[in-house]
């Protein structure tokens, strides 16, 4: 099983501030799976650190007002080329990112206000039919998969959490 993952989630220092968004939950899930770690911003040749970027009317613009949309879209295209022909089971992306956000992104005012909609890479993946989730939705995604594969096994997310914590959950 091959999983695409935002590189920042597995510890690569590629965020706009030069840091990462390391997620132990994501690391644990990826154990034993083939992983393609991607950062569209780095693929675009953007440095880390770099000025923060948000989407303004669908275009990537940094907090200094510089339109960096063409570079970001080149990074997304490079990311799509990197996974082309691969048997991708799932993409786990960083929430709220202008490239990787799946459900919400920042609104372009650099005021931390969120709006509904995907980032550029998430949108490209969804358009191509990939299953795409944010790291914050991993637990719910796993629950939904387990519930579909084992009807009646787990009844609520809290029961699932308790069962997984005690290693008595239904097998996935």
C-alpha atoms as a PDB file:
ATOM      1  CA  UNK A   1       0.000   0.000   0.000  1.00  0.00           C
ATOM      2  CA  UNK A   2       1.448   3.338  -1.061  1.00  0.00           C
ATOM      3  CA  UNK A   3       0.577   6.461   0.878  1.00  0.00           C
ATOM      4  CA  UNK A   4       1.318  10.036  -0.191  1.00  0.00           C
ATOM      5  CA  UNK A   5       2.041  12.222   2.819  1.00  0.00           C
ATOM      6  CA  UNK A   6       2.871  15.867   3.338  1.00  0.00           C
ATOM      7  CA  UNK A   7       6.597  15.803   4.082  1.00  0.00           C
ATOM      8  CA  UNK A   8       6.198  18.188   7.028  1.00  0.00           C
ATOM      9  CA  UNK A   9       4.042  15.595   8.823  1.00  0.00           C
ATOM     10  CA  UNK A  10       6.911  13.127   8.987  1.00  0.00           C
ATOM     11  CA  UNK A  11       9.435  15.641  10.257  1.00  0.00           C
ATOM     12  CA  UNK A  12      10.862  17.339   7.162  1.00  0.00           C
ATOM     13  CA  UNK A  13      11.590  20.983   7.943  1.00  0.00           C
ATOM     14  CA  UNK A  14       9.764  22.393   4.940  1.00  0.00           C
ATOM     15  CA  UNK A  15       7.103  24.640   6.480  1.00  0.00           C
ATOM     16  CA  UNK A  16       7.093  28.333   5.629  1.00  0.00           C
ATOM     17  CA  UNK A  17       8.860  29.014   8.960  1.00  0.00           C
ATOM     18  CA  UNK A  18      11.522  26.356   8.349  1.00  0.00           C
ATOM     19  CA  UNK A  19       9.997  23.943  10.849  1.00  0.00           C
ATOM     20  CA  UNK A  20       7.786  20.868  10.496  1.00  0.00           C
ATOM     21  CA  UNK A  21       4.384  19.548  11.590  1.00  0.00           C
ATOM     22  CA  UNK A  22       5.582  16.170  12.896  1.00  0.00           C
ATOM     23  CA  UNK A  23       2.682  13.851  13.721  1.00  0.00           C
ATOM     24  CA  UNK A  24       3.345  10.677  15.685  1.00  0.00           C
ATOM     25  CA  UNK A  25      -0.127   9.430  14.735  1.00  0.00           C
ATOM     26  CA  UNK A  26       0.776   9.718  11.049  1.00  0.00           C
ATOM     27  CA  UNK A  27       4.181   8.084  11.625  1.00  0.00           C
ATOM     28  CA  UNK A  28       2.513   5.171  13.433  1.00  0.00           C
ATOM     29  CA  UNK A  29      -0.021   4.721  10.628  1.00  0.00           C
ATOM     30  CA  UNK A  30       2.703   4.730   7.965  1.00  0.00           C
ATOM     31  CA  UNK A  31       4.647   1.856   9.554  1.00  0.00           C
ATOM     32  CA  UNK A  32       4.978  -0.991   7.045  1.00  0.00           C
ATOM     33  CA  UNK A  33       3.612   1.022   4.142  1.00  0.00           C
ATOM     34  CA  UNK A  34       5.323   2.473   1.110  1.00  0.00           C
ATOM     35  CA  UNK A  35       5.480   6.237   1.553  1.00  0.00           C
ATOM     36  CA  UNK A  36       5.915   9.071  -0.909  1.00  0.00           C
ATOM     37  CA  UNK A  37       6.666  12.220   1.086  1.00  0.00           C
ATOM     38  CA  UNK A  38       5.880  15.375  -0.859  1.00  0.00           C
ATOM     39  CA  UNK A  39       6.208  19.092  -0.256  1.00  0.00           C
ATOM     40  CA  UNK A  40       4.896  20.962  -3.305  1.00  0.00           C
ATOM     41  CA  UNK A  41       6.515  24.178  -2.072  1.00  0.00           C
ATOM     42  CA  UNK A  42       9.985  22.599  -2.039  1.00  0.00           C
ATOM     43  CA  UNK A  43       9.308  20.974  -5.409  1.00  0.00           C
ATOM     44  CA  UNK A  44       8.549  24.489  -6.655  1.00  0.00           C
ATOM     45  CA  UNK A  45      12.015  25.574  -5.559  1.00  0.00           C
ATOM     46  CA  UNK A  46      10.728  27.645  -2.650  1.00  0.00           C
ATOM     47  CA  UNK A  47      13.113  27.897   0.311  1.00  0.00           C
ATOM     48  CA  UNK A  48      12.345  27.003   3.917  1.00  0.00           C
ATOM     49  CA  UNK A  49      11.894  29.338   5.606  1.00  0.00           C
ATOM     50  CA  UNK A  50       9.913  31.555   3.222  1.00  0.00           C
ATOM     51  CA  UNK A  51       7.202  34.182   3.607  1.00  0.00           C
ATOM     52  CA  UNK A  52       3.806  32.662   4.482  1.00  0.00           C
ATOM     53  CA  UNK A  53       1.405  32.186   1.585  1.00  0.00           C
ATOM     54  CA  UNK A  54      -2.365  32.091   1.415  1.00  0.00           C
ATOM     55  CA  UNK A  55      -4.744  31.781  -1.497  1.00  0.00           C
ATOM     56  CA  UNK A  56      -6.273  35.080  -2.544  1.00  0.00           C
ATOM     57  CA  UNK A  57      -9.103  34.580  -5.019  1.00  0.00           C
ATOM     58  CA  UNK A  58      -7.568  31.238  -5.946  1.00  0.00           C
ATOM     59  CA  UNK A  59      -4.023  32.553  -6.399  1.00  0.00           C
ATOM     60  CA  UNK A  60      -1.038  31.907  -4.130  1.00  0.00           C
ATOM     61  CA  UNK A  61       0.155  35.240  -2.713  1.00  0.00           C
ATOM     62  CA  UNK A  62       2.649  35.776   0.099  1.00  0.00           C
ATOM     63  CA  UNK A  63       2.174  38.086   3.078  1.00  0.00           C
ATOM     64  CA  UNK A  64       4.244  40.758   1.309  1.00  0.00           C
ATOM     65  CA  UNK A  65       1.728  40.861  -1.543  1.00  0.00           C
ATOM     66  CA  UNK A  66       3.939  39.007  -4.023  1.00  0.00           C
ATOM     67  CA  UNK A  67       2.039  36.675  -6.358  1.00  0.00           C
ATOM     68  CA  UNK A  68       3.803  33.291  -6.208  1.00  0.00           C
ATOM     69  CA  UNK A  69       1.007  31.378  -7.895  1.00  0.00           C
ATOM     70  CA  UNK A  70       3.011  30.198 -10.911  1.00  0.00           C
ATOM     71  CA  UNK A  71       5.735  28.723  -8.682  1.00  0.00           C
ATOM     72  CA  UNK A  72       3.206  26.983  -6.436  1.00  0.00           C
ATOM     73  CA  UNK A  73       1.377  25.518  -9.417  1.00  0.00           C
ATOM     74  CA  UNK A  74       4.701  24.257 -10.830  1.00  0.00           C
ATOM     75  CA  UNK A  75       5.280  22.547  -7.474  1.00  0.00           C
ATOM     76  CA  UNK A  76       1.849  20.943  -7.597  1.00  0.00           C
ATOM     77  CA  UNK A  77       2.490  19.766 -11.157  1.00  0.00           C
ATOM     78  CA  UNK A  78       5.862  18.315 -10.086  1.00  0.00           C
ATOM     79  CA  UNK A  79       4.159  16.542  -7.184  1.00  0.00           C
ATOM     80  CA  UNK A  80       1.525  15.083  -9.505  1.00  0.00           C
ATOM     81  CA  UNK A  81       4.258  13.902 -11.881  1.00  0.00           C
ATOM     82  CA  UNK A  82       6.085  12.276  -8.954  1.00  0.00           C
ATOM     83  CA  UNK A  83       3.075  10.085  -8.123  1.00  0.00           C
ATOM     84  CA  UNK A  84       1.921   9.462 -11.693  1.00  0.00           C
ATOM     85  CA  UNK A  85       1.512   5.746 -12.378  1.00  0.00           C
ATOM     86  CA  UNK A  86       1.840   4.828  -8.703  1.00  0.00           C
ATOM     87  CA  UNK A  87      -0.851   2.761  -6.992  1.00  0.00           C
ATOM     88  CA  UNK A  88      -1.754   5.349  -4.358  1.00  0.00           C
ATOM     89  CA  UNK A  89      -4.152   4.109  -1.689  1.00  0.00           C
ATOM     90  CA  UNK A  90      -4.397   7.360   0.251  1.00  0.00           C
ATOM     91  CA  UNK A  91      -2.960  10.852   0.582  1.00  0.00           C
ATOM     92  CA  UNK A  92      -2.551  12.329   4.083  1.00  0.00           C
ATOM     93  CA  UNK A  93      -2.025  16.067   3.822  1.00  0.00           C
ATOM     94  CA  UNK A  94      -1.418  18.943   6.219  1.00  0.00           C
ATOM     95  CA  UNK A  95      -4.594  20.733   7.190  1.00  0.00           C
ATOM     96  CA  UNK A  96      -5.115  24.409   6.338  1.00  0.00           C
ATOM     97  CA  UNK A  97      -2.056  24.613   4.065  1.00  0.00           C
ATOM     98  CA  UNK A  98      -2.422  26.658   0.842  1.00  0.00           C
ATOM     99  CA  UNK A  99      -1.247  23.581  -1.039  1.00  0.00           C
ATOM    100  CA  UNK A 100      -2.260  20.654   1.153  1.00  0.00           C
ATOM    101  CA  UNK A 101      -5.349  21.771   3.062  1.00  0.00           C
ATOM    102  CA  UNK A 102      -8.260  19.505   2.197  1.00  0.00           C
ATOM    103  CA  UNK A 103     -11.367  20.891   3.903  1.00  0.00           C
ATOM    104  CA  UNK A 104     -10.282  24.414   4.816  1.00  0.00           C
ATOM    105  CA  UNK A 105      -7.557  26.922   4.032  1.00  0.00           C
ATOM    106  CA  UNK A 106      -6.753  30.394   5.306  1.00  0.00           C
ATOM    107  CA  UNK A 107      -8.793  33.109   3.610  1.00  0.00           C
ATOM    108  CA  UNK A 108      -5.980  35.209   2.132  1.00  0.00           C
ATOM    109  CA  UNK A 109      -6.077  38.017   4.701  1.00  0.00           C
ATOM    110  CA  UNK A 110      -3.280  36.557   6.872  1.00  0.00           C
ATOM    111  CA  UNK A 111      -5.602  36.936   9.866  1.00  0.00           C
ATOM    112  CA  UNK A 112      -5.924  33.190  10.622  1.00  0.00           C
ATOM    113  CA  UNK A 113      -9.508  33.191   9.347  1.00  0.00           C
ATOM    114  CA  UNK A 114     -10.456  29.905   7.666  1.00  0.00           C
ATOM    115  CA  UNK A 115     -12.665  29.336   4.647  1.00  0.00           C
ATOM    116  CA  UNK A 116     -13.996  26.116   3.187  1.00  0.00           C
ATOM    117  CA  UNK A 117     -12.107  24.672   0.265  1.00  0.00           C
ATOM    118  CA  UNK A 118      -8.946  22.780  -0.644  1.00  0.00           C
ATOM    119  CA  UNK A 119      -5.407  23.909  -1.258  1.00  0.00           C
ATOM    120  CA  UNK A 120      -3.796  23.581  -4.680  1.00  0.00           C
ATOM    121  CA  UNK A 121      -2.243  20.101  -4.288  1.00  0.00           C
ATOM    122  CA  UNK A 122      -5.271  18.683  -2.476  1.00  0.00           C
ATOM    123  CA  UNK A 123      -7.510  20.032  -5.233  1.00  0.00           C
ATOM    124  CA  UNK A 124      -5.350  18.395  -7.931  1.00  0.00           C
ATOM    125  CA  UNK A 125      -5.409  15.049  -6.104  1.00  0.00           C
ATOM    126  CA  UNK A 126      -9.163  15.191  -5.577  1.00  0.00           C
ATOM    127  CA  UNK A 127      -9.715  16.129  -9.221  1.00  0.00           C
ATOM    128  CA  UNK A 128      -7.784  12.990 -10.235  1.00  0.00           C
ATOM    129  CA  UNK A 129      -9.929  10.812  -7.945  1.00  0.00           C
ATOM    130  CA  UNK A 130      -7.458  10.088  -5.148  1.00  0.00           C
ATOM    131  CA  UNK A 131      -8.658   9.515  -1.593  1.00  0.00           C
ATOM    132  CA  UNK A 132      -7.350  12.532   0.312  1.00  0.00           C
ATOM    133  CA  UNK A 133      -7.574  13.290   4.037  1.00  0.00           C
ATOM    134  CA  UNK A 134      -5.955  15.726   6.425  1.00  0.00           C
ATOM    135  CA  UNK A 135      -3.811  14.458   9.270  1.00  0.00           C
ATOM    136  CA  UNK A 136      -6.429  15.776  11.692  1.00  0.00           C
ATOM    137  CA  UNK A 137      -8.970  13.409  10.108  1.00  0.00           C
ATOM    138  CA  UNK A 138      -6.828  10.266  10.199  1.00  0.00           C
ATOM    139  CA  UNK A 139      -8.497   8.760  13.265  1.00  0.00           C
ATOM    140  CA  UNK A 140     -11.990   9.308  11.847  1.00  0.00           C
ATOM    141  CA  UNK A 141     -10.907   7.886   8.489  1.00  0.00           C
ATOM    142  CA  UNK A 142      -9.553   4.742  10.165  1.00  0.00           C
ATOM    143  CA  UNK A 143     -12.760   4.384  12.142  1.00  0.00           C
ATOM    144  CA  UNK A 144     -14.860   4.673   8.995  1.00  0.00           C
ATOM    145  CA  UNK A 145     -12.747   2.051   7.208  1.00  0.00           C
ATOM    146  CA  UNK A 146     -12.957  -0.322  10.184  1.00  0.00           C
ATOM    147  CA  UNK A 147     -16.712   0.182  10.467  1.00  0.00           C
ATOM    148  CA  UNK A 148     -17.220  -0.619   6.764  1.00  0.00           C
ATOM    149  CA  UNK A 149     -14.969  -3.679   6.881  1.00  0.00           C
ATOM    150  CA  UNK A 150     -16.315  -4.964  10.226  1.00  0.00           C
ATOM    151  CA  UNK A 151     -19.990  -3.978  10.522  1.00  0.00           C
ATOM    152  CA  UNK A 152     -21.192  -4.083  14.109  1.00  0.00           C
ATOM    153  CA  UNK A 153     -17.691  -4.444  15.498  1.00  0.00           C
ATOM    154  CA  UNK A 154     -17.318  -0.880  16.744  1.00  0.00           C
ATOM    155  CA  UNK A 155     -20.311   1.263  17.504  1.00  0.00           C
ATOM    156  CA  UNK A 156     -18.908   4.664  18.393  1.00  0.00           C
ATOM    157  CA  UNK A 157     -15.640   6.464  17.947  1.00  0.00           C
ATOM    158  CA  UNK A 158     -15.158   6.452  21.730  1.00  0.00           C
ATOM    159  CA  UNK A 159     -15.586   2.657  21.817  1.00  0.00           C
ATOM    160  CA  UNK A 160     -13.078   2.407  18.977  1.00  0.00           C
ATOM    161  CA  UNK A 161     -10.593   4.579  20.836  1.00  0.00           C
ATOM    162  CA  UNK A 162     -10.979   2.518  23.997  1.00  0.00           C
ATOM    163  CA  UNK A 163     -10.657  -0.714  22.029  1.00  0.00           C
ATOM    164  CA  UNK A 164      -7.561   0.471  20.150  1.00  0.00           C
ATOM    165  CA  UNK A 165      -5.976   1.673  23.372  1.00  0.00           C
ATOM    166  CA  UNK A 166      -6.443  -1.804  24.849  1.00  0.00           C
ATOM    167  CA  UNK A 167      -5.489  -3.707  21.659  1.00  0.00           C
ATOM    168  CA  UNK A 168      -8.915  -5.381  21.534  1.00  0.00           C
ATOM    169  CA  UNK A 169     -10.270  -3.603  18.472  1.00  0.00           C
ATOM    170  CA  UNK A 170     -11.468  -5.446  15.428  1.00  0.00           C
ATOM    171  CA  UNK A 171      -8.645  -6.120  12.983  1.00  0.00           C
ATOM    172  CA  UNK A 172      -8.243  -3.783  10.072  1.00  0.00           C
END
